[in-house]
Amino acid sequence: MLYTVRPLEKIYAIPKTKKDIEKEEAERAEKTEYQEINLPNGRILTRRDGENNIICRVNSTDMSDYLNTDYSPGKAYKK
């Protein structure tokens, strides 16, 4: 008997080869649309997720941009 919180499909699944994983990542990267948005002191990188642009990365010379909750990674960017 196996006691676990993981789904049985994950436990008894056939492991993927390294080539399969790399192929899936390449396909996912090709489908993902990225956009750089300029800020007064830097820029943010967003990815398209349906109707929203989700913030992925902040690059700025102004330290207050990193503390600004509007630019938090994972949050939808509002223009």
N, C-alpha and C. Protein backbone atom coordinates (compact mmCIF):
# COMPACT_ATOMS: atom_id res chain seq x y z
N MET A 1 0.85 -1.17 0.00
CA MET A 1 0.00 0.00 0.00
C MET A 1 0.90 1.23 0.00
N LEU A 2 0.50 2.24 -0.76
CA LEU A 2 1.30 3.45 -0.91
C LEU A 2 0.50 4.64 -0.39
N TYR A 3 1.03 5.32 0.62
CA TYR A 3 0.38 6.50 1.18
C TYR A 3 1.11 7.73 0.66
N THR A 4 0.41 8.52 -0.13
CA THR A 4 1.03 9.72 -0.70
C THR A 4 -0.03 10.73 -1.09
N VAL A 5 0.37 11.99 -1.16
CA VAL A 5 -0.56 13.03 -1.60
C VAL A 5 -0.39 13.31 -3.09
N ARG A 6 0.65 12.75 -3.68
CA ARG A 6 0.89 12.93 -5.11
C ARG A 6 -0.09 12.07 -5.90
N PRO A 7 -0.54 12.56 -7.05
CA PRO A 7 -1.43 11.74 -7.88
C PRO A 7 -0.71 10.48 -8.39
N LEU A 8 -1.44 9.40 -8.49
CA LEU A 8 -0.85 8.15 -8.94
C LEU A 8 -0.29 8.26 -10.36
N GLU A 9 -0.85 9.14 -11.19
CA GLU A 9 -0.35 9.33 -12.55
C GLU A 9 1.09 9.86 -12.53
N LYS A 10 1.41 10.68 -11.51
CA LYS A 10 2.77 11.21 -11.39
C LYS A 10 3.74 10.14 -10.91
N ILE A 11 3.28 9.27 -10.03
CA ILE A 11 4.15 8.25 -9.45
C ILE A 11 4.44 7.13 -10.45
N TYR A 12 3.41 6.68 -11.15
CA TYR A 12 3.56 5.55 -12.06
C TYR A 12 3.76 5.98 -13.51
N ALA A 13 4.00 7.23 -13.75
CA ALA A 13 4.21 7.70 -15.12
C ALA A 13 5.57 7.24 -15.63
N ILE A 14 5.64 7.08 -16.94
CA ILE A 14 6.91 6.71 -17.57
C ILE A 14 7.78 7.96 -17.59
N PRO A 15 9.00 7.87 -17.09
CA PRO A 15 9.86 9.06 -17.06
C PRO A 15 10.20 9.53 -18.47
N LYS A 16 10.26 10.84 -18.61
CA LYS A 16 10.58 11.43 -19.91
C LYS A 16 12.09 11.48 -20.08
N THR A 17 12.50 11.36 -21.31
CA THR A 17 13.92 11.47 -21.59
C THR A 17 14.31 12.94 -21.66
N LYS A 18 15.59 13.19 -21.62
CA LYS A 18 16.10 14.56 -21.67
C LYS A 18 15.71 15.23 -22.99
N LYS A 19 15.72 14.47 -24.08
CA LYS A 19 15.34 15.02 -25.39
C LYS A 19 13.88 15.44 -25.40
N ASP A 20 13.00 14.63 -24.78
CA ASP A 20 11.58 14.97 -24.73
C ASP A 20 11.35 16.26 -23.94
N ILE A 21 12.06 16.40 -22.83
CA ILE A 21 11.92 17.60 -21.99
C ILE A 21 12.41 18.83 -22.74
N GLU A 22 13.56 18.72 -23.41
CA GLU A 22 14.10 19.85 -24.18
C GLU A 22 13.17 20.24 -25.32
N LYS A 23 12.57 19.24 -25.97
CA LYS A 23 11.64 19.51 -27.07
C LYS A 23 10.41 20.26 -26.57
N GLU A 24 9.85 19.84 -25.43
CA GLU A 24 8.69 20.51 -24.87
C GLU A 24 9.01 21.95 -24.47
N GLU A 25 10.18 22.16 -23.87
CA GLU A 25 10.58 23.51 -23.48
C GLU A 25 10.76 24.41 -24.69
N ALA A 26 11.34 23.88 -25.77
CA ALA A 26 11.53 24.66 -26.99
C ALA A 26 10.19 25.03 -27.61
N GLU A 27 9.25 24.10 -27.64
CA GLU A 27 7.92 24.38 -28.18
C GLU A 27 7.20 25.44 -27.35
N ARG A 28 7.33 25.35 -26.02
CA ARG A 28 6.69 26.31 -25.14
C ARG A 28 7.31 27.70 -25.33
N ALA A 29 8.62 27.76 -25.51
CA ALA A 29 9.30 29.04 -25.70
C ALA A 29 8.92 29.67 -27.03
N GLU A 30 8.70 28.86 -28.06
CA GLU A 30 8.29 29.40 -29.36
C GLU A 30 6.90 30.00 -29.31
N LYS A 31 6.01 29.43 -28.52
CA LYS A 31 4.63 29.89 -28.45
C LYS A 31 4.48 31.12 -27.56
N THR A 32 5.40 31.34 -26.63
CA THR A 32 5.30 32.43 -25.68
C THR A 32 5.74 33.75 -26.33
N GLU A 33 4.90 34.77 -26.20
CA GLU A 33 5.22 36.09 -26.73
C GLU A 33 5.72 36.96 -25.59
N TYR A 34 6.91 37.52 -25.76
CA TYR A 34 7.49 38.41 -24.77
C TYR A 34 7.49 39.84 -25.31
N GLN A 35 7.39 40.80 -24.39
CA GLN A 35 7.39 42.21 -24.77
C GLN A 35 8.14 43.00 -23.70
N GLU A 36 9.03 43.89 -24.14
CA GLU A 36 9.73 44.77 -23.21
C GLU A 36 9.00 46.10 -23.18
N ILE A 37 8.75 46.59 -21.98
CA ILE A 37 8.06 47.87 -21.79
C ILE A 37 9.02 48.81 -21.08
N ASN A 38 9.22 49.97 -21.68
CA ASN A 38 10.16 50.94 -21.12
C ASN A 38 9.53 51.69 -19.95
N LEU A 39 10.33 51.87 -18.92
CA LEU A 39 9.97 52.68 -17.76
C LEU A 39 10.85 53.93 -17.80
N PRO A 40 10.58 54.93 -16.98
CA PRO A 40 11.44 56.12 -16.98
C PRO A 40 12.91 55.81 -16.66
N ASN A 41 13.18 54.81 -15.82
CA ASN A 41 14.56 54.50 -15.43
C ASN A 41 14.99 53.09 -15.79
N GLY A 42 14.26 52.40 -16.63
CA GLY A 42 14.62 51.03 -16.98
C GLY A 42 13.54 50.41 -17.85
N ARG A 43 13.32 49.11 -17.64
CA ARG A 43 12.31 48.41 -18.42
C ARG A 43 11.84 47.17 -17.68
N ILE A 44 10.68 46.66 -18.10
CA ILE A 44 10.18 45.40 -17.56
C ILE A 44 9.92 44.46 -18.73
N LEU A 45 10.08 43.17 -18.49
CA LEU A 45 9.82 42.14 -19.48
C LEU A 45 8.51 41.47 -19.11
N THR A 46 7.59 41.41 -20.08
CA THR A 46 6.29 40.78 -19.84
C THR A 46 6.10 39.65 -20.85
N ARG A 47 5.26 38.69 -20.46
CA ARG A 47 4.88 37.62 -21.38
C ARG A 47 3.37 37.65 -21.55
N ARG A 48 2.93 37.30 -22.71
CA ARG A 48 1.51 37.30 -23.04
C ARG A 48 0.85 36.08 -22.44
N ASP A 49 -0.25 36.29 -21.71
CA ASP A 49 -1.02 35.20 -21.12
C ASP A 49 -2.49 35.51 -21.35
N GLY A 50 -3.02 35.06 -22.47
CA GLY A 50 -4.41 35.38 -22.82
C GLY A 50 -4.53 36.84 -23.15
N GLU A 51 -5.37 37.54 -22.42
CA GLU A 51 -5.57 38.98 -22.62
C GLU A 51 -4.59 39.83 -21.83
N ASN A 52 -3.87 39.22 -20.89
CA ASN A 52 -3.00 39.96 -19.97
C ASN A 52 -1.54 39.86 -20.36
N ASN A 53 -0.76 40.84 -19.91
CA ASN A 53 0.69 40.79 -19.96
C ASN A 53 1.17 40.57 -18.53
N ILE A 54 1.85 39.45 -18.28
CA ILE A 54 2.33 39.10 -16.95
C ILE A 54 3.80 39.53 -16.85
N ILE A 55 4.14 40.23 -15.78
CA ILE A 55 5.49 40.72 -15.59
C ILE A 55 6.41 39.55 -15.23
N CYS A 56 7.53 39.44 -15.96
CA CYS A 56 8.52 38.38 -15.72
C CYS A 56 9.77 38.92 -15.05
N ARG A 57 10.21 40.12 -15.45
CA ARG A 57 11.50 40.62 -14.98
C ARG A 57 11.48 42.14 -14.94
N VAL A 58 12.17 42.70 -13.95
CA VAL A 58 12.33 44.15 -13.83
C VAL A 58 13.82 44.47 -13.96
N ASN A 59 14.15 45.39 -14.87
CA ASN A 59 15.52 45.90 -15.02
C ASN A 59 15.45 47.40 -14.91
N SER A 60 16.01 47.96 -13.84
CA SER A 60 15.91 49.39 -13.62
C SER A 60 17.11 49.89 -12.84
N THR A 61 17.44 51.16 -13.04
CA THR A 61 18.50 51.79 -12.25
C THR A 61 17.92 52.48 -11.02
N ASP A 62 16.61 52.57 -10.94
CA ASP A 62 15.93 53.19 -9.79
C ASP A 62 15.46 52.08 -8.85
N MET A 63 16.01 52.05 -7.65
CA MET A 63 15.69 50.99 -6.70
C MET A 63 14.22 51.01 -6.27
N SER A 64 13.56 52.13 -6.36
CA SER A 64 12.15 52.18 -5.97
C SER A 64 11.27 51.41 -6.95
N ASP A 65 11.74 51.19 -8.20
CA ASP A 65 10.98 50.38 -9.15
C ASP A 65 10.87 48.94 -8.67
N TYR A 66 11.92 48.43 -8.01
CA TYR A 66 11.89 47.06 -7.51
C TYR A 66 10.93 46.91 -6.33
N LEU A 67 10.70 47.98 -5.59
CA LEU A 67 9.78 47.95 -4.44
C LEU A 67 8.35 48.31 -4.83
N ASN A 68 8.17 48.80 -6.03
CA ASN A 68 6.84 49.18 -6.51
C ASN A 68 6.02 47.91 -6.75
N THR A 69 4.87 47.81 -6.09
CA THR A 69 4.04 46.61 -6.22
C THR A 69 3.41 46.49 -7.61
N ASP A 70 3.33 47.58 -8.36
CA ASP A 70 2.80 47.51 -9.72
C ASP A 70 3.72 46.75 -10.66
N TYR A 71 5.00 46.63 -10.32
CA TYR A 71 5.99 45.96 -11.15
C TYR A 71 6.42 44.62 -10.58
N SER A 72 5.64 44.04 -9.69
CA SER A 72 6.01 42.76 -9.07
C SER A 72 5.92 41.63 -10.10
N PRO A 73 6.95 40.77 -10.20
CA PRO A 73 6.89 39.63 -11.11
C PRO A 73 5.71 38.73 -10.79
N GLY A 74 5.03 38.28 -11.84
CA GLY A 74 3.85 37.44 -11.67
C GLY A 74 2.56 38.22 -11.69
N LYS A 75 2.64 39.53 -11.61
CA LYS A 75 1.45 40.37 -11.58
C LYS A 75 1.13 40.83 -13.01
N ALA A 76 -0.14 41.02 -13.29
CA ALA A 76 -0.56 41.51 -14.60
C ALA A 76 -0.18 42.99 -14.72
N TYR A 77 0.40 43.34 -15.86
CA TYR A 77 0.84 44.73 -16.08
C TYR A 77 -0.33 45.54 -16.60
N LYS A 78 -0.55 46.69 -15.96
CA LYS A 78 -1.61 47.62 -16.39
C LYS A 78 -0.95 48.83 -16.99
N LYS A 79 -1.32 49.16 -18.21
CA LYS A 79 -0.73 50.32 -18.89
C LYS A 79 -1.31 51.61 -18.38
